[in-house]
């Protein structure tokens, strides 16, 4: 089954719109990578200042190929030059069970 990697990013309120803009401008970078399955940018709906960058991959190898790709380097160059976040943590998961609307559970 797939793997999920979630980057939990601490983003001050005033830089949230800039973070969103940067991800919007990168559309197409990760979607074309071999083994990529899904991306979601999750903005907090409460008082939290932690945003989550959710990606789903067919394998660890596919994820690592993305991390070592020129597209990844390009996408993170601006973030490193002018950061809008104050820290991040990578959360790693293996998908062991999933369900989709109108489908049975899959293992």
PDB file of N, CA and C in Angstrom:
ATOM      1  N   UNK A   1       0.834  -1.196   0.000  1.00  0.00           N
ATOM      2  CA  UNK A   1       0.000   0.000   0.000  1.00  0.00           C
ATOM      3  C   UNK A   1       0.872   1.251   0.000  1.00  0.00           C
ATOM      4  N   UNK A   2       0.241   2.356  -0.027  1.00  0.00           N
ATOM      5  CA  UNK A   2       0.891   3.661  -0.145  1.00  0.00           C
ATOM      6  C   UNK A   2       1.529   4.108   1.161  1.00  0.00           C
ATOM      7  N   UNK A   3       2.301   5.185   1.035  1.00  0.00           N
ATOM      8  CA  UNK A   3       2.848   5.870   2.203  1.00  0.00           C
ATOM      9  C   UNK A   3       2.345   7.311   2.194  1.00  0.00           C
ATOM     10  N   UNK A   4       2.276   7.898   3.383  1.00  0.00           N
ATOM     11  CA  UNK A   4       1.877   9.296   3.535  1.00  0.00           C
ATOM     12  C   UNK A   4       2.993  10.022   4.258  1.00  0.00           C
ATOM     13  N   UNK A   5       3.346  11.184   3.745  1.00  0.00           N
ATOM     14  CA  UNK A   5       4.313  12.053   4.399  1.00  0.00           C
ATOM     15  C   UNK A   5       3.627  13.398   4.609  1.00  0.00           C
ATOM     16  N   UNK A   6       3.630  13.855   5.848  1.00  0.00           N
ATOM     17  CA  UNK A   6       2.983  15.117   6.203  1.00  0.00           C
ATOM     18  C   UNK A   6       4.033  16.037   6.805  1.00  0.00           C
ATOM     19  N   UNK A   7       4.194  17.196   6.199  1.00  0.00           N
ATOM     20  CA  UNK A   7       5.099  18.200   6.735  1.00  0.00           C
ATOM     21  C   UNK A   7       4.261  19.172   7.558  1.00  0.00           C
ATOM     22  N   UNK A   8       4.443  19.156   8.874  1.00  0.00           N
ATOM     23  CA  UNK A   8       3.735  20.064   9.780  1.00  0.00           C
ATOM     24  C   UNK A   8       4.564  21.338   9.893  1.00  0.00           C
ATOM     25  N   UNK A   9       4.017  22.446   9.391  1.00  0.00           N
ATOM     26  CA  UNK A   9       4.756  23.702   9.295  1.00  0.00           C
ATOM     27  C   UNK A   9       4.147  24.736  10.236  1.00  0.00           C
ATOM     28  N   UNK A  10       4.974  25.364  11.053  1.00  0.00           N
ATOM     29  CA  UNK A  10       4.529  26.446  11.932  1.00  0.00           C
ATOM     30  C   UNK A  10       4.579  27.754  11.147  1.00  0.00           C
ATOM     31  N   UNK A  11       3.407  28.354  10.943  1.00  0.00           N
ATOM     32  CA  UNK A  11       3.280  29.541  10.091  1.00  0.00           C
ATOM     33  C   UNK A  11       2.573  30.652  10.863  1.00  0.00           C
ATOM     34  N   UNK A  12       3.248  31.781  11.105  1.00  0.00           N
ATOM     35  CA  UNK A  12       2.576  32.909  11.759  1.00  0.00           C
ATOM     36  C   UNK A  12       1.394  33.394  10.915  1.00  0.00           C
ATOM     37  N   UNK A  13       0.373  33.932  11.571  1.00  0.00           N
ATOM     38  CA  UNK A  13      -0.837  34.382  10.874  1.00  0.00           C
ATOM     39  C   UNK A  13      -0.537  35.290   9.689  1.00  0.00           C
ATOM     40  N   UNK A  14       0.399  36.207   9.870  1.00  0.00           N
ATOM     41  CA  UNK A  14       0.655  37.200   8.816  1.00  0.00           C
ATOM     42  C   UNK A  14       1.331  36.610   7.575  1.00  0.00           C
ATOM     43  N   UNK A  15       1.925  35.427   7.664  1.00  0.00           N
ATOM     44  CA  UNK A  15       2.595  34.843   6.493  1.00  0.00           C
ATOM     45  C   UNK A  15       1.807  33.692   5.870  1.00  0.00           C
ATOM     46  N   UNK A  16       0.643  33.366   6.430  1.00  0.00           N
ATOM     47  CA  UNK A  16      -0.190  32.307   5.857  1.00  0.00           C
ATOM     48  C   UNK A  16      -0.551  32.553   4.397  1.00  0.00           C
ATOM     49  N   UNK A  17      -1.012  33.763   4.032  1.00  0.00           N
ATOM     50  CA  UNK A  17      -1.345  34.021   2.632  1.00  0.00           C
ATOM     51  C   UNK A  17      -0.147  33.833   1.686  1.00  0.00           C
ATOM     52  N   UNK A  18       1.044  34.188   2.132  1.00  0.00           N
ATOM     53  CA  UNK A  18       2.240  34.004   1.300  1.00  0.00           C
ATOM     54  C   UNK A  18       2.549  32.520   1.119  1.00  0.00           C
ATOM     55  N   UNK A  19       2.398  31.735   2.170  1.00  0.00           N
ATOM     56  CA  UNK A  19       2.611  30.288   2.051  1.00  0.00           C
ATOM     57  C   UNK A  19       1.646  29.696   1.031  1.00  0.00           C
ATOM     58  N   UNK A  20       0.378  30.057   1.128  1.00  0.00           N
ATOM     59  CA  UNK A  20      -0.626  29.576   0.182  1.00  0.00           C
ATOM     60  C   UNK A  20      -0.258  29.967  -1.243  1.00  0.00           C
ATOM     61  N   UNK A  21       0.143  31.204  -1.445  1.00  0.00           N
ATOM     62  CA  UNK A  21       0.532  31.683  -2.771  1.00  0.00           C
ATOM     63  C   UNK A  21       1.701  30.883  -3.337  1.00  0.00           C
ATOM     64  N   UNK A  22       2.680  30.586  -2.506  1.00  0.00           N
ATOM     65  CA  UNK A  22       3.839  29.820  -2.973  1.00  0.00           C
ATOM     66  C   UNK A  22       3.431  28.428  -3.427  1.00  0.00           C
ATOM     67  N   UNK A  23       2.545  27.794  -2.684  1.00  0.00           N
ATOM     68  CA  UNK A  23       2.094  26.465  -3.100  1.00  0.00           C
ATOM     69  C   UNK A  23       1.252  26.546  -4.369  1.00  0.00           C
ATOM     70  N   UNK A  24       0.424  27.574  -4.502  1.00  0.00           N
ATOM     71  CA  UNK A  24      -0.372  27.740  -5.717  1.00  0.00           C
ATOM     72  C   UNK A  24       0.525  27.924  -6.938  1.00  0.00           C
ATOM     73  N   UNK A  25       1.632  28.622  -6.771  1.00  0.00           N
ATOM     74  CA  UNK A  25       2.556  28.856  -7.879  1.00  0.00           C
ATOM     75  C   UNK A  25       3.371  27.626  -8.247  1.00  0.00           C
ATOM     76  N   UNK A  26       3.377  26.615  -7.394  1.00  0.00           N
ATOM     77  CA  UNK A  26       4.142  25.393  -7.654  1.00  0.00           C
ATOM     78  C   UNK A  26       3.283  24.294  -8.264  1.00  0.00           C
ATOM     79  N   UNK A  27       2.024  24.572  -8.549  1.00  0.00           N
ATOM     80  CA  UNK A  27       1.143  23.543  -9.099  1.00  0.00           C
ATOM     81  C   UNK A  27       1.781  22.969 -10.356  1.00  0.00           C
ATOM     82  N   UNK A  28       1.823  21.651 -10.418  1.00  0.00           N
ATOM     83  CA  UNK A  28       2.430  20.951 -11.547  1.00  0.00           C
ATOM     84  C   UNK A  28       3.799  20.388 -11.244  1.00  0.00           C
ATOM     85  N   UNK A  29       4.455  20.869 -10.198  1.00  0.00           N
ATOM     86  CA  UNK A  29       5.805  20.387  -9.871  1.00  0.00           C
ATOM     87  C   UNK A  29       5.783  18.952  -9.360  1.00  0.00           C
ATOM     88  N   UNK A  30       4.981  18.678  -8.353  1.00  0.00           N
ATOM     89  CA  UNK A  30       4.982  17.352  -7.731  1.00  0.00           C
ATOM     90  C   UNK A  30       4.049  16.381  -8.460  1.00  0.00           C
ATOM     91  N   UNK A  31       3.000  16.890  -9.065  1.00  0.00           N
ATOM     92  CA  UNK A  31       1.982  16.033  -9.674  1.00  0.00           C
ATOM     93  C   UNK A  31       2.515  15.135 -10.774  1.00  0.00           C
ATOM     94  N   UNK A  32       3.587  15.532 -11.411  1.00  0.00           N
ATOM     95  CA  UNK A  32       4.138  14.755 -12.523  1.00  0.00           C
ATOM     96  C   UNK A  32       5.222  13.772 -12.100  1.00  0.00           C
ATOM     97  N   UNK A  33       5.501  13.695 -10.816  1.00  0.00           N
ATOM     98  CA  UNK A  33       6.541  12.787 -10.337  1.00  0.00           C
ATOM     99  C   UNK A  33       6.041  11.342 -10.363  1.00  0.00           C
ATOM    100  N   UNK A  34       6.915  10.439 -10.747  1.00  0.00           N
ATOM    101  CA  UNK A  34       6.607   9.010 -10.741  1.00  0.00           C
ATOM    102  C   UNK A  34       6.257   8.580  -9.316  1.00  0.00           C
ATOM    103  N   UNK A  35       5.157   7.882  -9.150  1.00  0.00           N
ATOM    104  CA  UNK A  35       4.755   7.370  -7.847  1.00  0.00           C
ATOM    105  C   UNK A  35       3.947   8.331  -6.997  1.00  0.00           C
ATOM    106  N   UNK A  36       3.742   9.567  -7.477  1.00  0.00           N
ATOM    107  CA  UNK A  36       2.932  10.538  -6.739  1.00  0.00           C
ATOM    108  C   UNK A  36       1.462  10.144  -6.822  1.00  0.00           C
ATOM    109  N   UNK A  37       0.747  10.260  -5.698  1.00  0.00           N
ATOM    110  CA  UNK A  37      -0.675   9.925  -5.682  1.00  0.00           C
ATOM    111  C   UNK A  37      -1.578  11.090  -5.288  1.00  0.00           C
ATOM    112  N   UNK A  38      -1.149  11.918  -4.316  1.00  0.00           N
ATOM    113  CA  UNK A  38      -2.053  12.950  -3.824  1.00  0.00           C
ATOM    114  C   UNK A  38      -1.278  14.034  -3.075  1.00  0.00           C
ATOM    115  N   UNK A  39      -1.806  15.253  -3.131  1.00  0.00           N
ATOM    116  CA  UNK A  39      -1.270  16.393  -2.377  1.00  0.00           C
ATOM    117  C   UNK A  39      -2.446  17.182  -1.814  1.00  0.00           C
ATOM    118  N   UNK A  40      -2.308  17.641  -0.587  1.00  0.00           N
ATOM    119  CA  UNK A  40      -3.268  18.566   0.010  1.00  0.00           C
ATOM    120  C   UNK A  40      -2.509  19.527   0.916  1.00  0.00           C
ATOM    121  N   UNK A  41      -2.858  20.802   0.846  1.00  0.00           N
ATOM    122  CA  UNK A  41      -2.342  21.799   1.779  1.00  0.00           C
ATOM    123  C   UNK A  41      -3.474  22.100   2.748  1.00  0.00           C
ATOM    124  N   UNK A  42      -3.238  21.834   4.035  1.00  0.00           N
ATOM    125  CA  UNK A  42      -4.275  21.981   5.051  1.00  0.00           C
ATOM    126  C   UNK A  42      -3.986  23.193   5.932  1.00  0.00           C
ATOM    127  N   UNK A  43      -4.883  24.184   5.863  1.00  0.00           N
ATOM    128  CA  UNK A  43      -4.777  25.393   6.683  1.00  0.00           C
ATOM    129  C   UNK A  43      -5.590  25.177   7.957  1.00  0.00           C
ATOM    130  N   UNK A  44      -5.075  25.581   9.102  1.00  0.00           N
ATOM    131  CA  UNK A  44      -5.834  25.372  10.340  1.00  0.00           C
ATOM    132  C   UNK A  44      -7.134  26.177  10.347  1.00  0.00           C
ATOM    133  N   UNK A  45      -8.177  25.562  10.865  1.00  0.00           N
ATOM    134  CA  UNK A  45      -9.457  26.265  10.980  1.00  0.00           C
ATOM    135  C   UNK A  45      -9.721  26.687  12.425  1.00  0.00           C
ATOM    136  N   UNK A  46      -8.734  26.478  13.272  1.00  0.00           N
ATOM    137  CA  UNK A  46      -8.828  26.894  14.672  1.00  0.00           C
ATOM    138  C   UNK A  46      -7.738  27.931  14.936  1.00  0.00           C
ATOM    139  N   UNK A  47      -7.418  28.147  16.189  1.00  0.00           N
ATOM    140  CA  UNK A  47      -6.394  29.125  16.558  1.00  0.00           C
ATOM    141  C   UNK A  47      -4.975  28.610  16.357  1.00  0.00           C
ATOM    142  N   UNK A  48      -4.819  27.408  15.888  1.00  0.00           N
ATOM    143  CA  UNK A  48      -3.491  26.833  15.663  1.00  0.00           C
ATOM    144  C   UNK A  48      -2.776  27.582  14.539  1.00  0.00           C
ATOM    145  N   UNK A  49      -1.458  27.570  14.564  1.00  0.00           N
ATOM    146  CA  UNK A  49      -0.688  28.152  13.460  1.00  0.00           C
ATOM    147  C   UNK A  49       0.125  27.073  12.744  1.00  0.00           C
ATOM    148  N   UNK A  50      -0.332  25.821  12.852  1.00  0.00           N
ATOM    149  CA  UNK A  50       0.328  24.715  12.161  1.00  0.00           C
ATOM    150  C   UNK A  50      -0.450  24.355  10.904  1.00  0.00           C
ATOM    151  N   UNK A  51       0.211  24.469   9.769  1.00  0.00           N
ATOM    152  CA  UNK A  51      -0.325  24.041   8.479  1.00  0.00           C
ATOM    153  C   UNK A  51       0.252  22.659   8.193  1.00  0.00           C
ATOM    154  N   UNK A  52      -0.482  21.845   7.435  1.00  0.00           N
ATOM    155  CA  UNK A  52      -0.016  20.505   7.092  1.00  0.00           C
ATOM    156  C   UNK A  52       0.060  20.353   5.577  1.00  0.00           C
ATOM    157  N   UNK A  53       1.219  19.896   5.124  1.00  0.00           N
ATOM    158  CA  UNK A  53       1.419  19.584   3.709  1.00  0.00           C
ATOM    159  C   UNK A  53       1.349  18.062   3.603  1.00  0.00           C
ATOM    160  N   UNK A  54       0.247  17.572   3.060  1.00  0.00           N
ATOM    161  CA  UNK A  54      -0.039  16.138   2.987  1.00  0.00           C
ATOM    162  C   UNK A  54       0.317  15.632   1.591  1.00  0.00           C
ATOM    163  N   UNK A  55       1.173  14.636   1.526  1.00  0.00           N
ATOM    164  CA  UNK A  55       1.444  13.982   0.246  1.00  0.00           C
ATOM    165  C   UNK A  55       1.330  12.478   0.424  1.00  0.00           C
ATOM    166  N   UNK A  56       0.864  11.834  -0.625  1.00  0.00           N
ATOM    167  CA  UNK A  56       0.705  10.375  -0.628  1.00  0.00           C
ATOM    168  C   UNK A  56       1.469   9.827  -1.829  1.00  0.00           C
ATOM    169  N   UNK A  57       2.216   8.762  -1.580  1.00  0.00           N
ATOM    170  CA  UNK A  57       3.115   8.182  -2.577  1.00  0.00           C
ATOM    171  C   UNK A  57       2.926   6.675  -2.651  1.00  0.00           C
ATOM    172  N   UNK A  58       3.245   6.101  -3.798  1.00  0.00           N
ATOM    173  CA  UNK A  58       3.112   4.643  -3.926  1.00  0.00           C
ATOM    174  C   UNK A  58       4.203   3.897  -3.173  1.00  0.00           C
ATOM    175  N   UNK A  59       5.323   4.570  -2.866  1.00  0.00           N
ATOM    176  CA  UNK A  59       6.422   3.907  -2.149  1.00  0.00           C
ATOM    177  C   UNK A  59       7.363   4.945  -1.541  1.00  0.00           C
ATOM    178  N   UNK A  60       8.187   4.483  -0.610  1.00  0.00           N
ATOM    179  CA  UNK A  60       9.229   5.335  -0.024  1.00  0.00           C
ATOM    180  C   UNK A  60      10.214   5.766  -1.103  1.00  0.00           C
ATOM    181  N   UNK A  61      10.504   4.872  -2.037  1.00  0.00           N
ATOM    182  CA  UNK A  61      11.440   5.187  -3.125  1.00  0.00           C
ATOM    183  C   UNK A  61      10.917   6.339  -3.976  1.00  0.00           C
ATOM    184  N   UNK A  62       9.611   6.347  -4.254  1.00  0.00           N
ATOM    185  CA  UNK A  62       9.018   7.438  -5.036  1.00  0.00           C
ATOM    186  C   UNK A  62       9.123   8.758  -4.277  1.00  0.00           C
ATOM    187  N   UNK A  63       8.849   8.730  -2.978  1.00  0.00           N
ATOM    188  CA  UNK A  63       8.967   9.942  -2.167  1.00  0.00           C
ATOM    189  C   UNK A  63      10.403  10.455  -2.164  1.00  0.00           C
ATOM    190  N   UNK A  64      11.366   9.562  -1.966  1.00  0.00           N
ATOM    191  CA  UNK A  64      12.768   9.977  -1.916  1.00  0.00           C
ATOM    192  C   UNK A  64      13.239  10.503  -3.273  1.00  0.00           C
ATOM    193  N   UNK A  65      12.715   9.943  -4.361  1.00  0.00           N
ATOM    194  CA  UNK A  65      13.049  10.464  -5.695  1.00  0.00           C
ATOM    195  C   UNK A  65      12.570  11.910  -5.815  1.00  0.00           C
ATOM    196  N   UNK A  66      11.400  12.207  -5.259  1.00  0.00           N
ATOM    197  CA  UNK A  66      10.890  13.582  -5.246  1.00  0.00           C
ATOM    198  C   UNK A  66      11.800  14.489  -4.429  1.00  0.00           C
ATOM    199  N   UNK A  67      12.176  14.044  -3.235  1.00  0.00           N
ATOM    200  CA  UNK A  67      13.010  14.852  -2.343  1.00  0.00           C
ATOM    201  C   UNK A  67      14.353  15.186  -2.990  1.00  0.00           C
ATOM    202  N   UNK A  68      14.868  14.293  -3.813  1.00  0.00           N
ATOM    203  CA  UNK A  68      16.173  14.500  -4.450  1.00  0.00           C
ATOM    204  C   UNK A  68      16.057  15.036  -5.882  1.00  0.00           C
ATOM    205  N   UNK A  69      14.879  15.471  -6.272  1.00  0.00           N
ATOM    206  CA  UNK A  69      14.655  15.938  -7.644  1.00  0.00           C
ATOM    207  C   UNK A  69      14.954  17.428  -7.804  1.00  0.00           C
ATOM    208  N   UNK A  70      15.243  17.865  -9.036  1.00  0.00           N
ATOM    209  CA  UNK A  70      15.410  19.302  -9.304  1.00  0.00           C
ATOM    210  C   UNK A  70      14.129  20.088  -9.011  1.00  0.00           C
ATOM    211  N   UNK A  71      12.960  19.474  -9.222  1.00  0.00           N
ATOM    212  CA  UNK A  71      11.688  20.143  -8.954  1.00  0.00           C
ATOM    213  C   UNK A  71      11.544  20.469  -7.468  1.00  0.00           C
ATOM    214  N   UNK A  72      11.943  19.536  -6.618  1.00  0.00           N
ATOM    215  CA  UNK A  72      11.897  19.761  -5.170  1.00  0.00           C
ATOM    216  C   UNK A  72      12.842  20.902  -4.796  1.00  0.00           C
ATOM    217  N   UNK A  73      14.059  20.863  -5.333  1.00  0.00           N
ATOM    218  CA  UNK A  73      15.049  21.907  -5.035  1.00  0.00           C
ATOM    219  C   UNK A  73      14.537  23.279  -5.467  1.00  0.00           C
ATOM    220  N   UNK A  74      13.941  23.352  -6.661  1.00  0.00           N
ATOM    221  CA  UNK A  74      13.387  24.612  -7.157  1.00  0.00           C
ATOM    222  C   UNK A  74      12.274  25.117  -6.242  1.00  0.00           C
ATOM    223  N   UNK A  75      11.393  24.218  -5.844  1.00  0.00           N
ATOM    224  CA  UNK A  75      10.255  24.598  -5.015  1.00  0.00           C
ATOM    225  C   UNK A  75      10.641  25.071  -3.631  1.00  0.00           C
ATOM    226  N   UNK A  76      11.774  24.585  -3.141  1.00  0.00           N
ATOM    227  CA  UNK A  76      12.195  24.957  -1.793  1.00  0.00           C
ATOM    228  C   UNK A  76      13.245  26.071  -1.777  1.00  0.00           C
ATOM    229  N   UNK A  77      13.740  26.482  -2.930  1.00  0.00           N
ATOM    230  CA  UNK A  77      14.766  27.528  -2.985  1.00  0.00           C
ATOM    231  C   UNK A  77      14.241  28.843  -2.414  1.00  0.00           C
ATOM    232  N   UNK A  78      13.039  29.249  -2.819  1.00  0.00           N
ATOM    233  CA  UNK A  78      12.459  30.501  -2.320  1.00  0.00           C
ATOM    234  C   UNK A  78      12.152  30.396  -0.828  1.00  0.00           C
ATOM    235  N   UNK A  79      11.660  29.238  -0.404  1.00  0.00           N
ATOM    236  CA  UNK A  79      11.342  29.051   1.014  1.00  0.00           C
ATOM    237  C   UNK A  79      12.587  29.207   1.872  1.00  0.00           C
ATOM    238  N   UNK A  80      13.716  28.740   1.367  1.00  0.00           N
ATOM    239  CA  UNK A  80      14.960  28.863   2.120  1.00  0.00           C
ATOM    240  C   UNK A  80      15.502  30.290   2.087  1.00  0.00           C
ATOM    241  N   UNK A  81      15.276  31.004   0.979  1.00  0.00           N
ATOM    242  CA  UNK A  81      15.780  32.373   0.846  1.00  0.00           C
ATOM    243  C   UNK A  81      14.948  33.357   1.668  1.00  0.00           C
ATOM    244  N   UNK A  82      13.625  33.190   1.626  1.00  0.00           N
ATOM    245  CA  UNK A  82      12.714  34.079   2.351  1.00  0.00           C
ATOM    246  C   UNK A  82      11.678  33.230   3.086  1.00  0.00           C
ATOM    247  N   UNK A  83      12.041  32.677   4.228  1.00  0.00           N
ATOM    248  CA  UNK A  83      11.121  31.764   4.918  1.00  0.00           C
ATOM    249  C   UNK A  83       9.858  32.460   5.427  1.00  0.00           C
ATOM    250  N   UNK A  84       8.738  31.741   5.340  1.00  0.00           N
ATOM    251  CA  UNK A  84       7.472  32.222   5.898  1.00  0.00           C
ATOM    252  C   UNK A  84       7.053  31.360   7.090  1.00  0.00           C
ATOM    253  N   UNK A  85       7.843  30.333   7.397  1.00  0.00           N
ATOM    254  CA  UNK A  85       7.549  29.427   8.507  1.00  0.00           C
ATOM    255  C   UNK A  85       8.676  29.483   9.526  1.00  0.00           C
ATOM    256  N   UNK A  86       8.369  29.052  10.744  1.00  0.00           N
ATOM    257  CA  UNK A  86       9.355  29.068  11.824  1.00  0.00           C
ATOM    258  C   UNK A  86       9.743  27.674  12.278  1.00  0.00           C
ATOM    259  N   UNK A  87       9.522  26.693  11.465  1.00  0.00           N
ATOM    260  CA  UNK A  87       9.883  25.331  11.828  1.00  0.00           C
ATOM    261  C   UNK A  87       8.951  24.339  11.173  1.00  0.00           C
ATOM    262  N   UNK A  88       9.417  23.114  11.085  1.00  0.00           N
ATOM    263  CA  UNK A  88       8.590  22.068  10.507  1.00  0.00           C
ATOM    264  C   UNK A  88       8.985  20.718  11.088  1.00  0.00           C
ATOM    265  N   UNK A  89       8.069  19.776  10.954  1.00  0.00           N
ATOM    266  CA  UNK A  89       8.301  18.413  11.402  1.00  0.00           C
ATOM    267  C   UNK A  89       7.705  17.482  10.362  1.00  0.00           C
ATOM    268  N   UNK A  90       8.480  16.484   9.934  1.00  0.00           N
ATOM    269  CA  UNK A  90       7.992  15.513   8.963  1.00  0.00           C
ATOM    270  C   UNK A  90       7.377  14.334   9.701  1.00  0.00           C
ATOM    271  N   UNK A  91       6.112  14.081   9.423  1.00  0.00           N
ATOM    272  CA  UNK A  91       5.391  12.947   9.995  1.00  0.00           C
ATOM    273  C   UNK A  91       5.303  11.866   8.927  1.00  0.00           C
ATOM    274  N   UNK A  92       5.592  10.622   9.287  1.00  0.00           N
ATOM    275  CA  UNK A  92       5.661   9.530   8.317  1.00  0.00           C
ATOM    276  C   UNK A  92       4.679   8.425   8.689  1.00  0.00           C
ATOM    277  N   UNK A  93       3.894   7.985   7.689  1.00  0.00           N
ATOM    278  CA  UNK A  93       2.879   6.961   7.914  1.00  0.00           C
ATOM    279  C   UNK A  93       2.860   5.963   6.764  1.00  0.00           C
ATOM    280  N   UNK A  94       2.484   4.726   7.088  1.00  0.00           N
ATOM    281  CA  UNK A  94       2.180   3.704   6.091  1.00  0.00           C
ATOM    282  C   UNK A  94       0.665   3.547   6.073  1.00  0.00           C
ATOM    283  N   UNK A  95       0.073   3.541   4.895  1.00  0.00           N
ATOM    284  CA  UNK A  95      -1.367   3.323   4.781  1.00  0.00           C
ATOM    285  C   UNK A  95      -1.619   1.825   4.960  1.00  0.00           C
ATOM    286  N   UNK A  96      -2.407   1.461   5.957  1.00  0.00           N
ATOM    287  CA  UNK A  96      -2.682   0.045   6.217  1.00  0.00           C
ATOM    288  C   UNK A  96      -4.141  -0.317   5.970  1.00  0.00           C
ATOM    289  N   UNK A  97      -5.004   0.689   5.879  1.00  0.00           N
ATOM    290  CA  UNK A  97      -6.417   0.462   5.608  1.00  0.00           C
ATOM    291  C   UNK A  97      -6.978   1.749   5.037  1.00  0.00           C
ATOM    292  N   UNK A  98      -7.819   1.626   4.024  1.00  0.00           N
ATOM    293  CA  UNK A  98      -8.424   2.827   3.453  1.00  0.00           C
ATOM    294  C   UNK A  98      -9.840   2.529   3.002  1.00  0.00           C
ATOM    295  N   UNK A  99     -10.654   3.564   2.937  1.00  0.00           N
ATOM    296  CA  UNK A  99     -12.018   3.458   2.442  1.00  0.00           C
ATOM    297  C   UNK A  99     -12.300   4.687   1.594  1.00  0.00           C
ATOM    298  N   UNK A 100     -13.078   4.495   0.564  1.00  0.00           N
ATOM    299  CA  UNK A 100     -13.510   5.595  -0.286  1.00  0.00           C
ATOM    300  C   UNK A 100     -15.025   5.544  -0.398  1.00  0.00           C
ATOM    301  N   UNK A 101     -15.616   6.653  -0.690  1.00  0.00           N
ATOM    302  CA  UNK A 101     -17.065   6.722  -0.818  1.00  0.00           C
ATOM    303  C   UNK A 101     -17.546   5.672  -1.816  1.00  0.00           C
ATOM    304  N   UNK A 102     -18.551   4.933  -1.407  1.00  0.00           N
ATOM    305  CA  UNK A 102     -19.167   3.890  -2.240  1.00  0.00           C
ATOM    306  C   UNK A 102     -18.228   2.747  -2.592  1.00  0.00           C
ATOM    307  N   UNK A 103     -17.174   2.538  -1.790  1.00  0.00           N
ATOM    308  CA  UNK A 103     -16.251   1.425  -2.000  1.00  0.00           C
ATOM    309  C   UNK A 103     -16.028   0.701  -0.676  1.00  0.00           C
ATOM    310  N   UNK A 104     -15.614  -0.525  -0.756  1.00  0.00           N
ATOM    311  CA  UNK A 104     -15.308  -1.311   0.440  1.00  0.00           C
ATOM    312  C   UNK A 104     -13.952  -0.913   0.989  1.00  0.00           C
ATOM    313  N   UNK A 105     -13.692  -1.350   2.218  1.00  0.00           N
ATOM    314  CA  UNK A 105     -12.362  -1.158   2.796  1.00  0.00           C
ATOM    315  C   UNK A 105     -11.351  -1.943   1.994  1.00  0.00           C
ATOM    316  N   UNK A 106     -10.152  -1.404   1.900  1.00  0.00           N
ATOM    317  CA  UNK A 106      -9.070  -2.057   1.165  1.00  0.00           C
ATOM    318  C   UNK A 106      -7.856  -2.142   2.071  1.00  0.00           C
ATOM    319  N   UNK A 107      -7.218  -3.305   2.070  1.00  0.00           N
ATOM    320  CA  UNK A 107      -5.998  -3.471   2.864  1.00  0.00           C
ATOM    321  C   UNK A 107      -4.814  -3.633   1.953  1.00  0.00           C
TER     322      UNK A 107
END
